[in-house]
């Protein structure tokens, strides 16, 4: 009864479009129906969605340049409602979307989360953290940690230098932009550990590669990548 009274005065709204939803912190049926979930076939290393049904191998890019991470997985294809929610969190202070994002990502990431020692958010440079007020990756990581039981540690990885925004960069430019931009804190011992890198969206994989390389160079046994969304092209 108390919930019905609250709903009458403060009806639950869709976190994407603002129309009435079945419960707080959820999407309305229309917005949910427009999500595009990542499904097979995908590259078994980078998780990129692939067009050929029944494909169970490795994409050309991973074959030519094997990444420092063992594999990457994502819940959604980047675009539409997923893109709107990510941008709303990153630039619009819409932190109420985080619990939903964490549930979707954790459900898609069971393989990545199994046996992991810690979840690590992609770090922001201190200057960018000041301008944004929070690290959206850290919020997502905390949400996934609460659901999975795998602890979160936002202080393992650090930005060694500020990098340019990569929105309009080519794949080659993205890798060059983040090369040497990440490191492992001197106060953290990662030797022999299995870590899951958490990010909101994976595009070229350059950021994931930079973070994974830093962890492997510091002695990590394995690095996996888990993101809410994945650019398919």
C-alpha atoms as a PDB file:
ATOM      1  CA  UNK A   1       0.000   0.000   0.000  1.00  0.00           C
ATOM      2  CA  UNK A   2       2.707   2.604   0.838  1.00  0.00           C
ATOM      3  CA  UNK A   3       4.328   2.008  -2.565  1.00  0.00           C
ATOM      4  CA  UNK A   4       1.013   2.559  -4.321  1.00  0.00           C
ATOM      5  CA  UNK A   5       0.528   5.835  -2.482  1.00  0.00           C
ATOM      6  CA  UNK A   6       4.047   6.983  -3.386  1.00  0.00           C
ATOM      7  CA  UNK A   7       3.499   5.971  -7.014  1.00  0.00           C
ATOM      8  CA  UNK A   8       0.332   8.035  -7.129  1.00  0.00           C
ATOM      9  CA  UNK A   9       2.222  11.186  -6.136  1.00  0.00           C
ATOM     10  CA  UNK A  10       5.622  10.303  -7.606  1.00  0.00           C
ATOM     11  CA  UNK A  11       5.015   7.880 -10.478  1.00  0.00           C
ATOM     12  CA  UNK A  12       8.073   5.905 -11.651  1.00  0.00           C
ATOM     13  CA  UNK A  13       9.448   7.313 -14.886  1.00  0.00           C
ATOM     14  CA  UNK A  14      11.487   5.762 -17.665  1.00  0.00           C
ATOM     15  CA  UNK A  15      15.159   6.640 -17.196  1.00  0.00           C
ATOM     16  CA  UNK A  16      15.502   7.238 -20.947  1.00  0.00           C
ATOM     17  CA  UNK A  17      12.420   9.093 -22.169  1.00  0.00           C
ATOM     18  CA  UNK A  18      10.637  10.143 -18.974  1.00  0.00           C
ATOM     19  CA  UNK A  19       7.262   8.517 -19.617  1.00  0.00           C
ATOM     20  CA  UNK A  20       5.663   6.375 -16.936  1.00  0.00           C
ATOM     21  CA  UNK A  21       7.447   3.075 -16.297  1.00  0.00           C
ATOM     22  CA  UNK A  22       6.497  -0.038 -14.352  1.00  0.00           C
ATOM     23  CA  UNK A  23       9.039   0.668 -11.611  1.00  0.00           C
ATOM     24  CA  UNK A  24      11.619   3.253 -10.681  1.00  0.00           C
ATOM     25  CA  UNK A  25      15.034   3.111 -12.336  1.00  0.00           C
ATOM     26  CA  UNK A  26      13.788   1.109 -15.327  1.00  0.00           C
ATOM     27  CA  UNK A  27      13.049   1.623 -19.011  1.00  0.00           C
ATOM     28  CA  UNK A  28       9.555   1.822 -20.408  1.00  0.00           C
ATOM     29  CA  UNK A  29       8.568  -1.058 -22.746  1.00  0.00           C
ATOM     30  CA  UNK A  30       9.076   1.087 -25.848  1.00  0.00           C
ATOM     31  CA  UNK A  31      12.626   2.140 -24.941  1.00  0.00           C
ATOM     32  CA  UNK A  32      13.541  -1.386 -23.872  1.00  0.00           C
ATOM     33  CA  UNK A  33      12.297  -2.785 -27.177  1.00  0.00           C
ATOM     34  CA  UNK A  34      14.692  -0.467 -29.021  1.00  0.00           C
ATOM     35  CA  UNK A  35      17.803  -1.777 -27.253  1.00  0.00           C
ATOM     36  CA  UNK A  36      20.110  -3.885 -29.411  1.00  0.00           C
ATOM     37  CA  UNK A  37      21.764  -6.586 -27.343  1.00  0.00           C
ATOM     38  CA  UNK A  38      25.095  -8.058 -28.375  1.00  0.00           C
ATOM     39  CA  UNK A  39      24.547 -11.643 -29.466  1.00  0.00           C
ATOM     40  CA  UNK A  40      26.493 -14.319 -31.315  1.00  0.00           C
ATOM     41  CA  UNK A  41      28.403 -14.363 -33.512  1.00  0.00           C
ATOM     42  CA  UNK A  42      31.106 -12.200 -31.928  1.00  0.00           C
ATOM     43  CA  UNK A  43      34.892 -12.257 -32.037  1.00  0.00           C
ATOM     44  CA  UNK A  44      35.872 -14.506 -29.128  1.00  0.00           C
ATOM     45  CA  UNK A  45      38.636 -12.073 -28.136  1.00  0.00           C
ATOM     46  CA  UNK A  46      37.401  -8.488 -28.552  1.00  0.00           C
ATOM     47  CA  UNK A  47      33.665  -9.279 -28.527  1.00  0.00           C
ATOM     48  CA  UNK A  48      32.966  -7.305 -31.708  1.00  0.00           C
ATOM     49  CA  UNK A  49      29.602  -8.311 -33.232  1.00  0.00           C
ATOM     50  CA  UNK A  50      30.160 -10.065 -36.556  1.00  0.00           C
ATOM     51  CA  UNK A  51      27.774 -10.559 -39.480  1.00  0.00           C
ATOM     52  CA  UNK A  52      28.363 -14.239 -40.328  1.00  0.00           C
ATOM     53  CA  UNK A  53      26.060 -16.612 -38.485  1.00  0.00           C
ATOM     54  CA  UNK A  54      27.855 -19.484 -36.871  1.00  0.00           C
ATOM     55  CA  UNK A  55      31.199 -17.645 -36.753  1.00  0.00           C
ATOM     56  CA  UNK A  56      33.093 -18.664 -33.627  1.00  0.00           C
ATOM     57  CA  UNK A  57      36.609 -17.432 -34.333  1.00  0.00           C
ATOM     58  CA  UNK A  58      38.744 -14.340 -34.095  1.00  0.00           C
ATOM     59  CA  UNK A  59      38.278 -11.150 -36.112  1.00  0.00           C
ATOM     60  CA  UNK A  60      40.973  -9.907 -38.467  1.00  0.00           C
ATOM     61  CA  UNK A  61      42.111  -7.093 -36.184  1.00  0.00           C
ATOM     62  CA  UNK A  62      42.660  -9.410 -33.203  1.00  0.00           C
ATOM     63  CA  UNK A  63      44.437 -11.918 -35.432  1.00  0.00           C
ATOM     64  CA  UNK A  64      46.781  -9.248 -36.769  1.00  0.00           C
ATOM     65  CA  UNK A  65      47.359  -7.566 -33.410  1.00  0.00           C
ATOM     66  CA  UNK A  66      46.431  -9.742 -30.406  1.00  0.00           C
ATOM     67  CA  UNK A  67      45.444  -7.471 -27.499  1.00  0.00           C
ATOM     68  CA  UNK A  68      46.917  -7.473 -24.005  1.00  0.00           C
ATOM     69  CA  UNK A  69      43.515  -8.436 -22.547  1.00  0.00           C
ATOM     70  CA  UNK A  70      42.299 -12.019 -22.820  1.00  0.00           C
ATOM     71  CA  UNK A  71      38.766 -11.176 -23.937  1.00  0.00           C
ATOM     72  CA  UNK A  72      36.142  -8.433 -23.899  1.00  0.00           C
ATOM     73  CA  UNK A  73      32.388  -8.664 -23.544  1.00  0.00           C
ATOM     74  CA  UNK A  74      29.580  -6.093 -23.800  1.00  0.00           C
ATOM     75  CA  UNK A  75      25.850  -6.078 -23.154  1.00  0.00           C
ATOM     76  CA  UNK A  76      24.565  -3.727 -25.851  1.00  0.00           C
ATOM     77  CA  UNK A  77      25.399  -2.378 -29.263  1.00  0.00           C
ATOM     78  CA  UNK A  78      26.248   1.306 -28.989  1.00  0.00           C
ATOM     79  CA  UNK A  79      23.571   3.569 -30.461  1.00  0.00           C
ATOM     80  CA  UNK A  80      20.002   4.688 -29.906  1.00  0.00           C
ATOM     81  CA  UNK A  81      18.762   4.354 -26.324  1.00  0.00           C
ATOM     82  CA  UNK A  82      22.081   2.909 -25.084  1.00  0.00           C
ATOM     83  CA  UNK A  83      24.017   5.872 -26.483  1.00  0.00           C
ATOM     84  CA  UNK A  84      21.531   8.355 -25.011  1.00  0.00           C
ATOM     85  CA  UNK A  85      21.857   6.837 -21.537  1.00  0.00           C
ATOM     86  CA  UNK A  86      25.661   6.766 -21.654  1.00  0.00           C
ATOM     87  CA  UNK A  87      25.865  10.398 -22.745  1.00  0.00           C
ATOM     88  CA  UNK A  88      23.278  11.414 -20.130  1.00  0.00           C
ATOM     89  CA  UNK A  89      25.453   9.897 -17.415  1.00  0.00           C
ATOM     90  CA  UNK A  90      28.749  11.191 -18.809  1.00  0.00           C
ATOM     91  CA  UNK A  91      27.690  14.760 -19.537  1.00  0.00           C
ATOM     92  CA  UNK A  92      24.255  15.259 -17.966  1.00  0.00           C
ATOM     93  CA  UNK A  93      24.796  14.166 -14.338  1.00  0.00           C
ATOM     94  CA  UNK A  94      22.047  11.569 -14.751  1.00  0.00           C
ATOM     95  CA  UNK A  95      23.416   9.180 -12.150  1.00  0.00           C
ATOM     96  CA  UNK A  96      20.043   7.497 -11.637  1.00  0.00           C
ATOM     97  CA  UNK A  97      20.769   5.377 -14.733  1.00  0.00           C
ATOM     98  CA  UNK A  98      23.732   3.644 -13.056  1.00  0.00           C
ATOM     99  CA  UNK A  99      21.835   0.837 -11.220  1.00  0.00           C
ATOM    100  CA  UNK A 100      20.124  -0.209 -14.455  1.00  0.00           C
ATOM    101  CA  UNK A 101      23.391  -0.035 -16.386  1.00  0.00           C
ATOM    102  CA  UNK A 102      25.125  -2.143 -13.737  1.00  0.00           C
ATOM    103  CA  UNK A 103      22.447  -4.867 -13.873  1.00  0.00           C
ATOM    104  CA  UNK A 104      22.550  -5.093 -17.670  1.00  0.00           C
ATOM    105  CA  UNK A 105      26.350  -5.169 -17.725  1.00  0.00           C
ATOM    106  CA  UNK A 106      26.694  -7.702 -14.899  1.00  0.00           C
ATOM    107  CA  UNK A 107      24.191 -10.038 -16.562  1.00  0.00           C
ATOM    108  CA  UNK A 108      26.175  -9.937 -19.805  1.00  0.00           C
ATOM    109  CA  UNK A 109      29.520 -10.285 -18.047  1.00  0.00           C
ATOM    110  CA  UNK A 110      29.213 -13.508 -16.065  1.00  0.00           C
ATOM    111  CA  UNK A 111      32.080 -15.080 -18.015  1.00  0.00           C
ATOM    112  CA  UNK A 112      34.313 -12.077 -17.374  1.00  0.00           C
ATOM    113  CA  UNK A 113      33.400 -11.814 -13.698  1.00  0.00           C
ATOM    114  CA  UNK A 114      33.931 -15.496 -12.848  1.00  0.00           C
ATOM    115  CA  UNK A 115      37.016 -15.957 -10.691  1.00  0.00           C
ATOM    116  CA  UNK A 116      38.123 -12.333 -10.935  1.00  0.00           C
ATOM    117  CA  UNK A 117      40.087 -10.724  -8.105  1.00  0.00           C
ATOM    118  CA  UNK A 118      38.915  -7.127  -8.643  1.00  0.00           C
ATOM    119  CA  UNK A 119      36.988  -4.786 -10.917  1.00  0.00           C
ATOM    120  CA  UNK A 120      38.936  -1.765 -12.148  1.00  0.00           C
ATOM    121  CA  UNK A 121      37.298   1.307 -13.679  1.00  0.00           C
ATOM    122  CA  UNK A 122      39.081   3.130 -16.494  1.00  0.00           C
ATOM    123  CA  UNK A 123      40.630   6.116 -14.690  1.00  0.00           C
ATOM    124  CA  UNK A 124      40.056   9.756 -15.550  1.00  0.00           C
ATOM    125  CA  UNK A 125      42.819  12.328 -15.549  1.00  0.00           C
ATOM    126  CA  UNK A 126      42.477  14.553 -12.424  1.00  0.00           C
ATOM    127  CA  UNK A 127      41.697  17.640 -14.524  1.00  0.00           C
ATOM    128  CA  UNK A 128      38.914  15.861 -16.390  1.00  0.00           C
ATOM    129  CA  UNK A 129      37.610  14.404 -13.130  1.00  0.00           C
ATOM    130  CA  UNK A 130      37.290  17.936 -11.746  1.00  0.00           C
ATOM    131  CA  UNK A 131      35.344  19.106 -14.805  1.00  0.00           C
ATOM    132  CA  UNK A 132      32.979  16.100 -14.767  1.00  0.00           C
ATOM    133  CA  UNK A 133      32.690  15.936 -10.952  1.00  0.00           C
ATOM    134  CA  UNK A 134      32.751  12.129 -10.926  1.00  0.00           C
ATOM    135  CA  UNK A 135      34.094   9.173 -12.890  1.00  0.00           C
ATOM    136  CA  UNK A 136      31.109   7.478 -14.521  1.00  0.00           C
ATOM    137  CA  UNK A 137      33.201   4.316 -14.978  1.00  0.00           C
ATOM    138  CA  UNK A 138      33.817   4.189 -11.214  1.00  0.00           C
ATOM    139  CA  UNK A 139      30.077   4.476 -10.508  1.00  0.00           C
ATOM    140  CA  UNK A 140      29.316   1.671 -12.955  1.00  0.00           C
ATOM    141  CA  UNK A 141      32.078  -0.455 -11.430  1.00  0.00           C
ATOM    142  CA  UNK A 142      30.709   0.011  -7.912  1.00  0.00           C
ATOM    143  CA  UNK A 143      27.270  -1.058  -9.112  1.00  0.00           C
ATOM    144  CA  UNK A 144      28.623  -4.200 -10.771  1.00  0.00           C
ATOM    145  CA  UNK A 145      30.705  -4.997  -7.674  1.00  0.00           C
ATOM    146  CA  UNK A 146      27.614  -4.826  -5.458  1.00  0.00           C
ATOM    147  CA  UNK A 147      25.758  -7.228  -7.746  1.00  0.00           C
ATOM    148  CA  UNK A 148      28.581  -9.682  -8.438  1.00  0.00           C
ATOM    149  CA  UNK A 149      30.454  -9.755  -5.142  1.00  0.00           C
ATOM    150  CA  UNK A 150      33.745  -9.032  -6.946  1.00  0.00           C
ATOM    151  CA  UNK A 151      35.397  -6.084  -5.165  1.00  0.00           C
ATOM    152  CA  UNK A 152      36.004  -2.782  -6.888  1.00  0.00           C
ATOM    153  CA  UNK A 153      39.312  -0.932  -6.639  1.00  0.00           C
ATOM    154  CA  UNK A 154      39.355   2.494  -8.328  1.00  0.00           C
ATOM    155  CA  UNK A 155      42.929   3.218  -7.232  1.00  0.00           C
ATOM    156  CA  UNK A 156      44.863   0.501  -9.075  1.00  0.00           C
ATOM    157  CA  UNK A 157      44.990   2.218 -12.467  1.00  0.00           C
ATOM    158  CA  UNK A 158      45.951   5.849 -12.975  1.00  0.00           C
ATOM    159  CA  UNK A 159      46.238   8.287 -15.853  1.00  0.00           C
ATOM    160  CA  UNK A 160      49.822   9.299 -16.426  1.00  0.00           C
ATOM    161  CA  UNK A 161      48.902  12.102 -18.791  1.00  0.00           C
ATOM    162  CA  UNK A 162      45.832  13.823 -20.158  1.00  0.00           C
ATOM    163  CA  UNK A 163      44.621  12.600 -23.546  1.00  0.00           C
ATOM    164  CA  UNK A 164      42.543  14.274 -26.239  1.00  0.00           C
ATOM    165  CA  UNK A 165      38.911  13.265 -26.704  1.00  0.00           C
ATOM    166  CA  UNK A 166      38.761  10.506 -29.278  1.00  0.00           C
ATOM    167  CA  UNK A 167      35.318  11.002 -30.812  1.00  0.00           C
ATOM    168  CA  UNK A 168      36.530  11.797 -34.325  1.00  0.00           C
ATOM    169  CA  UNK A 169      39.837   9.909 -34.274  1.00  0.00           C
ATOM    170  CA  UNK A 170      40.643   7.021 -36.584  1.00  0.00           C
ATOM    171  CA  UNK A 171      41.534   3.650 -35.099  1.00  0.00           C
ATOM    172  CA  UNK A 172      45.252   4.323 -35.528  1.00  0.00           C
ATOM    173  CA  UNK A 173      44.921   7.786 -33.967  1.00  0.00           C
ATOM    174  CA  UNK A 174      43.064   6.346 -30.973  1.00  0.00           C
ATOM    175  CA  UNK A 175      45.853   3.875 -30.201  1.00  0.00           C
ATOM    176  CA  UNK A 176      48.499   6.591 -30.602  1.00  0.00           C
ATOM    177  CA  UNK A 177      46.511   8.969 -28.386  1.00  0.00           C
ATOM    178  CA  UNK A 178      46.418   6.626 -25.379  1.00  0.00           C
ATOM    179  CA  UNK A 179      49.822   4.979 -25.796  1.00  0.00           C
ATOM    180  CA  UNK A 180      51.643   5.260 -22.471  1.00  0.00           C
ATOM    181  CA  UNK A 181      48.729   7.135 -20.901  1.00  0.00           C
ATOM    182  CA  UNK A 182      47.967   4.558 -18.189  1.00  0.00           C
ATOM    183  CA  UNK A 183      49.946   3.100 -15.330  1.00  0.00           C
ATOM    184  CA  UNK A 184      49.549   1.070 -12.159  1.00  0.00           C
ATOM    185  CA  UNK A 185      49.780   2.753  -8.771  1.00  0.00           C
ATOM    186  CA  UNK A 186      53.051   2.108  -6.964  1.00  0.00           C
ATOM    187  CA  UNK A 187      50.984   1.309  -3.869  1.00  0.00           C
ATOM    188  CA  UNK A 188      49.193  -1.613  -5.538  1.00  0.00           C
ATOM    189  CA  UNK A 189      50.545  -5.104  -6.092  1.00  0.00           C
ATOM    190  CA  UNK A 190      48.811  -6.679  -9.081  1.00  0.00           C
ATOM    191  CA  UNK A 191      51.212  -9.585  -9.601  1.00  0.00           C
ATOM    192  CA  UNK A 192      49.374 -12.803 -10.414  1.00  0.00           C
ATOM    193  CA  UNK A 193      45.932 -11.172 -10.255  1.00  0.00           C
ATOM    194  CA  UNK A 194      42.928 -11.564 -12.543  1.00  0.00           C
ATOM    195  CA  UNK A 195      41.295  -8.190 -13.201  1.00  0.00           C
ATOM    196  CA  UNK A 196      38.197  -7.002 -15.044  1.00  0.00           C
ATOM    197  CA  UNK A 197      38.468  -3.571 -16.639  1.00  0.00           C
ATOM    198  CA  UNK A 198      35.117  -1.743 -16.607  1.00  0.00           C
ATOM    199  CA  UNK A 199      34.184   0.921 -19.161  1.00  0.00           C
ATOM    200  CA  UNK A 200      30.915   2.324 -20.456  1.00  0.00           C
ATOM    201  CA  UNK A 201      31.598   1.795 -24.160  1.00  0.00           C
ATOM    202  CA  UNK A 202      34.259   0.065 -26.234  1.00  0.00           C
ATOM    203  CA  UNK A 203      35.024   1.469 -29.678  1.00  0.00           C
ATOM    204  CA  UNK A 204      38.423   0.605 -31.123  1.00  0.00           C
ATOM    205  CA  UNK A 205      39.689  -1.085 -27.964  1.00  0.00           C
ATOM    206  CA  UNK A 206      42.544   1.414 -27.644  1.00  0.00           C
ATOM    207  CA  UNK A 207      41.707   2.435 -24.073  1.00  0.00           C
ATOM    208  CA  UNK A 208      41.221  -1.171 -23.006  1.00  0.00           C
ATOM    209  CA  UNK A 209      44.556  -2.076 -24.600  1.00  0.00           C
ATOM    210  CA  UNK A 210      46.357   0.778 -22.841  1.00  0.00           C
ATOM    211  CA  UNK A 211      45.004  -0.218 -19.440  1.00  0.00           C
ATOM    212  CA  UNK A 212      45.511  -3.940 -19.995  1.00  0.00           C
ATOM    213  CA  UNK A 213      49.089  -3.443 -21.171  1.00  0.00           C
ATOM    214  CA  UNK A 214      49.896  -1.433 -18.037  1.00  0.00           C
ATOM    215  CA  UNK A 215      48.454  -4.176 -15.819  1.00  0.00           C
ATOM    216  CA  UNK A 216      50.231  -7.003 -17.647  1.00  0.00           C
ATOM    217  CA  UNK A 217      53.528  -5.099 -17.550  1.00  0.00           C
ATOM    218  CA  UNK A 218      53.064  -4.783 -13.779  1.00  0.00           C
ATOM    219  CA  UNK A 219      52.629  -8.541 -13.428  1.00  0.00           C
ATOM    220  CA  UNK A 220      48.878  -9.158 -13.711  1.00  0.00           C
ATOM    221  CA  UNK A 221      48.087 -12.734 -14.736  1.00  0.00           C
ATOM    222  CA  UNK A 222      45.014 -11.858 -16.802  1.00  0.00           C
ATOM    223  CA  UNK A 223      42.964  -8.827 -17.794  1.00  0.00           C
ATOM    224  CA  UNK A 224      39.391  -9.083 -19.036  1.00  0.00           C
ATOM    225  CA  UNK A 225      37.220  -6.232 -20.317  1.00  0.00           C
ATOM    226  CA  UNK A 226      33.536  -5.670 -19.596  1.00  0.00           C
ATOM    227  CA  UNK A 227      31.536  -2.766 -20.995  1.00  0.00           C
ATOM    228  CA  UNK A 228      27.924  -1.725 -21.130  1.00  0.00           C
ATOM    229  CA  UNK A 229      28.066  -1.110 -24.871  1.00  0.00           C
ATOM    230  CA  UNK A 230      30.186  -1.983 -27.891  1.00  0.00           C
ATOM    231  CA  UNK A 231      30.531  -0.168 -31.215  1.00  0.00           C
ATOM    232  CA  UNK A 232      29.839  -2.796 -33.839  1.00  0.00           C
ATOM    233  CA  UNK A 233      31.635  -1.262 -36.848  1.00  0.00           C
END
